[in-house]
Amino acid sequence: MIRVWLTPFSTNVERVSLALAHKGVSAEGVLVDPEDRSEVERVSGQDLVPVADFDGEIVVDSVAILRRLEELHADPPLWPSAPARRAELDVFVDWFNRVWKVAPNAVTEMIEGGASDQFAIDAHGAEMTAALGAFEALLDGRPYLFGDGLSAADCIAFPFLKYAAMRDPADDELFHRVLEDYQRLGDAHPSLSAWIERVDAHPRAL
């Protein structure tokens, strides 16, 4: 049995939840109080979720967890088998985490810090808005970001992009409100809008 430590509404936890359900792998969720992460620190040496326990092997970071899940449960796959396509997906995952996430994290940090530089906030927000066009192009003529079926790319991006179309009323995290405020779907994003609905219909394991 896989055990996963999680907090409510976590985007990174949802990545793992989608991947587990896609592979039909059951997992035990351990709910953590966002204000008291001592148990996560005890288990993993750091305080971020998700943390996964694969039969005694502790893995931190959502992408690392997805990769380990892929190694242990290869079918159905989250990464293509062809080396070139696999490398392309890895480039997307790296870009999403290292480049795309910079803007919403920066806006959140500035607001939390009481920054008065609205110009900088709006500039980062404009990056998020403009990026919607890139995702729309990736979905041109295909139902998922990398082809005909759910892949790691969809698991990685969906929990963040979904705020362009939906947010649970009980979810009042600032980071998620930033994602909602600066990602507004319009007539120019029919494929992205349909993709959000499509991926949202997939089951979750946690």
Protein backbone atom coordinates (compact mmCIF):
# COMPACT_ATOMS: atom_id res chain seq x y z
CA MET A 1 0.00 0.00 0.00
CA ILE A 2 1.22 3.49 -0.89
CA ARG A 3 0.73 6.15 1.77
CA VAL A 4 0.55 9.82 0.79
CA TRP A 5 0.67 12.79 3.17
CA LEU A 6 -1.51 15.63 1.92
CA THR A 7 -3.21 18.91 2.74
CA PRO A 8 -6.64 20.08 1.49
CA PHE A 9 -6.77 21.70 -1.98
CA SER A 10 -3.06 21.10 -2.66
CA THR A 11 -2.27 21.44 -6.36
CA ASN A 12 0.79 19.21 -6.06
CA VAL A 13 -1.17 16.54 -4.21
CA GLU A 14 -3.81 16.56 -6.95
CA ARG A 15 -1.07 15.73 -9.46
CA VAL A 16 -0.36 12.53 -7.57
CA SER A 17 -4.04 11.78 -7.00
CA LEU A 18 -4.75 11.94 -10.75
CA ALA A 19 -1.75 9.75 -11.55
CA LEU A 20 -2.63 7.09 -8.99
CA ALA A 21 -6.22 6.86 -10.23
CA HIS A 22 -5.06 6.72 -13.86
CA LYS A 23 -2.93 3.69 -13.03
CA GLY A 24 -5.58 2.10 -10.84
CA VAL A 25 -3.27 2.11 -7.84
CA SER A 26 -4.84 2.51 -4.42
CA ALA A 27 -3.25 4.70 -1.76
CA GLU A 28 -3.89 5.71 1.81
CA GLY A 29 -4.15 9.46 2.30
CA VAL A 30 -2.81 10.97 5.52
CA LEU A 31 -4.42 14.37 6.03
CA VAL A 32 -2.05 16.96 7.47
CA ASP A 33 -3.05 20.18 9.21
CA PRO A 34 -1.49 22.98 7.09
CA GLU A 35 -0.67 24.78 10.36
CA ASP A 36 1.09 21.77 11.89
CA ARG A 37 3.38 19.88 9.55
CA SER A 38 5.47 18.23 12.23
CA GLU A 39 4.43 14.76 11.08
CA VAL A 40 5.53 15.51 7.50
CA GLU A 41 8.85 16.82 8.82
CA ARG A 42 9.30 13.73 10.96
CA VAL A 43 8.69 11.42 8.03
CA SER A 44 10.54 13.26 5.28
CA GLY A 45 12.83 15.88 6.82
CA GLN A 46 10.99 18.74 5.15
CA ASP A 47 7.50 20.27 5.42
CA LEU A 48 6.07 20.22 1.89
CA VAL A 49 3.39 17.86 0.61
CA PRO A 50 2.91 15.51 -1.03
CA VAL A 51 5.18 12.95 0.57
CA ALA A 52 4.76 9.32 -0.49
CA ASP A 53 5.77 6.15 1.28
CA PHE A 54 6.32 3.31 -1.19
CA ASP A 55 6.62 0.36 1.20
CA GLY A 56 9.19 2.15 3.34
CA GLU A 57 10.77 4.22 0.56
CA ILE A 58 10.01 7.89 1.24
CA VAL A 59 9.72 10.09 -1.85
CA VAL A 60 9.15 13.85 -1.74
CA ASP A 61 8.11 16.22 -4.56
CA SER A 62 5.13 15.52 -6.80
CA VAL A 63 7.17 15.00 -9.98
CA ALA A 64 9.53 12.58 -8.26
CA ILE A 65 6.51 10.69 -6.92
CA LEU A 66 5.01 10.45 -10.41
CA ARG A 67 8.30 9.15 -11.79
CA ARG A 68 8.61 6.52 -9.06
CA LEU A 69 4.99 5.51 -9.60
CA GLU A 70 5.76 5.08 -13.31
CA GLU A 71 8.72 2.84 -12.49
CA LEU A 72 6.72 0.63 -10.14
CA HIS A 73 3.48 0.55 -12.15
CA ALA A 74 4.31 0.96 -15.82
CA ASP A 75 0.81 0.41 -17.24
CA PRO A 76 -1.08 2.40 -18.19
CA PRO A 77 1.85 4.74 -18.83
CA LEU A 78 2.15 8.42 -17.98
CA TRP A 79 5.27 8.88 -20.13
CA PRO A 80 5.65 7.81 -23.78
CA SER A 81 7.88 4.81 -24.49
CA ALA A 82 9.60 6.44 -27.48
CA PRO A 83 12.77 8.24 -26.27
CA ALA A 84 12.15 11.41 -28.28
CA ARG A 85 8.57 11.79 -27.12
CA ARG A 86 9.57 11.00 -23.54
CA ALA A 87 12.25 13.70 -23.71
CA GLU A 88 9.71 16.19 -25.07
CA LEU A 89 7.38 15.51 -22.17
CA ASP A 90 10.27 15.89 -19.70
CA VAL A 91 11.06 19.28 -21.23
CA PHE A 92 7.44 20.34 -20.75
CA VAL A 93 7.42 19.21 -17.10
CA ASP A 94 10.67 21.05 -16.42
CA TRP A 95 9.38 24.20 -18.16
CA PHE A 96 6.11 24.13 -16.24
CA ASN A 97 7.81 23.81 -12.87
CA ARG A 98 10.82 26.06 -13.43
CA VAL A 99 9.36 28.72 -15.73
CA TRP A 100 5.56 28.79 -15.75
CA LYS A 101 5.18 28.56 -11.97
CA VAL A 102 7.48 31.56 -11.39
CA ALA A 103 4.75 34.11 -12.16
CA PRO A 104 1.95 32.88 -9.85
CA ASN A 105 4.43 32.22 -7.05
CA ALA A 106 5.89 35.71 -7.43
CA VAL A 107 2.48 37.39 -7.39
CA THR A 108 1.46 35.42 -4.31
CA GLU A 109 4.67 36.30 -2.48
CA MET A 110 4.34 40.00 -3.34
CA ILE A 111 0.75 40.17 -2.14
CA GLU A 112 1.59 38.29 1.06
CA GLY A 113 4.49 40.66 1.66
CA GLY A 114 2.30 43.72 1.20
CA ALA A 115 4.12 44.82 -1.95
CA SER A 116 2.85 48.04 -3.49
CA ASP A 117 4.47 47.44 -6.88
CA GLN A 118 1.30 46.84 -8.85
CA PHE A 119 3.25 47.16 -12.09
CA ALA A 120 5.34 44.08 -11.21
CA ILE A 121 2.27 42.16 -10.09
CA ASP A 122 0.44 42.99 -13.32
CA ALA A 123 3.49 42.05 -15.40
CA HIS A 124 3.60 38.59 -13.86
CA GLY A 125 -0.16 38.31 -14.23
CA ALA A 126 0.13 39.17 -17.90
CA GLU A 127 2.61 36.29 -18.31
CA MET A 128 0.04 33.89 -16.89
CA THR A 129 -2.68 35.24 -19.15
CA ALA A 130 -0.46 35.03 -22.22
CA ALA A 131 0.55 31.45 -21.41
CA LEU A 132 -3.04 30.34 -21.92
CA GLY A 133 -2.42 30.72 -25.64
CA ALA A 134 0.47 28.25 -25.49
CA PHE A 135 -1.70 25.63 -23.82
CA GLU A 136 -4.46 26.28 -26.35
CA ALA A 137 -1.95 25.61 -29.16
CA LEU A 138 -0.72 22.41 -27.50
CA LEU A 139 -4.30 21.15 -27.53
CA ASP A 140 -4.92 21.93 -31.20
CA GLY A 141 -6.32 18.78 -32.80
CA ARG A 142 -5.81 16.53 -29.80
CA PRO A 143 -7.71 15.97 -26.53
CA TYR A 144 -4.74 15.96 -24.15
CA LEU A 145 -1.55 17.99 -23.92
CA PHE A 146 0.64 15.28 -25.43
CA GLY A 147 -1.76 13.24 -27.50
CA ASP A 148 -4.83 11.06 -27.30
CA GLY A 149 -4.56 9.99 -23.67
CA LEU A 150 -3.81 11.36 -20.23
CA SER A 151 -0.10 11.76 -19.57
CA ALA A 152 2.19 13.16 -16.91
CA ALA A 153 1.90 16.54 -18.66
CA ASP A 154 -1.83 16.68 -17.93
CA CYS A 155 -1.33 15.58 -14.32
CA ILE A 156 1.34 18.24 -13.86
CA ALA A 157 -0.54 21.16 -15.41
CA PHE A 158 -4.22 20.55 -14.70
CA PRO A 159 -4.30 21.30 -10.95
CA PHE A 160 -3.02 24.80 -11.74
CA LEU A 161 -4.79 25.56 -15.01
CA LYS A 162 -8.17 24.38 -13.73
CA TYR A 163 -8.49 27.64 -11.80
CA ALA A 164 -9.11 29.33 -15.14
CA ALA A 165 -12.54 27.68 -15.05
CA MET A 166 -13.32 26.52 -11.51
CA ARG A 167 -12.53 26.94 -7.81
CA ASP A 168 -14.14 25.20 -4.86
CA PRO A 169 -15.93 27.86 -2.76
CA ALA A 170 -14.27 26.39 0.33
CA ASP A 171 -10.83 26.89 -1.20
CA ASP A 172 -9.65 30.34 -0.15
CA GLU A 173 -5.89 29.92 -0.55
CA LEU A 174 -4.28 33.08 -1.89
CA PHE A 175 -2.19 31.18 -4.43
CA HIS A 176 -5.33 29.66 -5.91
CA ARG A 177 -7.10 33.02 -6.03
CA VAL A 178 -4.11 34.36 -7.97
CA LEU A 179 -4.43 31.47 -10.42
CA GLU A 180 -8.11 32.31 -10.85
CA ASP A 181 -7.63 36.08 -11.17
CA TYR A 182 -4.97 36.00 -13.88
CA GLN A 183 -6.23 33.06 -15.93
CA ARG A 184 -9.44 34.07 -17.62
CA LEU A 185 -10.72 31.82 -20.37
CA GLY A 186 -12.34 33.50 -23.34
CA ASP A 187 -13.48 32.76 -26.85
CA ALA A 188 -9.84 32.25 -27.85
CA HIS A 189 -9.49 29.20 -25.59
CA PRO A 190 -12.12 26.61 -26.61
CA SER A 191 -9.69 23.68 -26.60
CA LEU A 192 -8.26 24.60 -23.19
CA SER A 193 -11.73 25.00 -21.73
CA ALA A 194 -12.75 21.56 -23.06
CA TRP A 195 -9.51 20.03 -21.77
CA ILE A 196 -10.17 21.33 -18.25
CA GLU A 197 -13.60 19.70 -18.29
CA ARG A 198 -12.15 16.51 -19.77
CA VAL A 199 -9.37 16.10 -17.21
CA ASP A 200 -11.65 17.13 -14.35
CA ALA A 201 -13.85 14.16 -15.25
CA HIS A 202 -10.96 11.77 -14.53
CA PRO A 203 -11.10 10.05 -11.13
CA ARG A 204 -8.86 10.90 -8.19
CA ALA A 205 -7.33 8.37 -5.81
CA LEU A 206 -7.02 10.66 -2.81
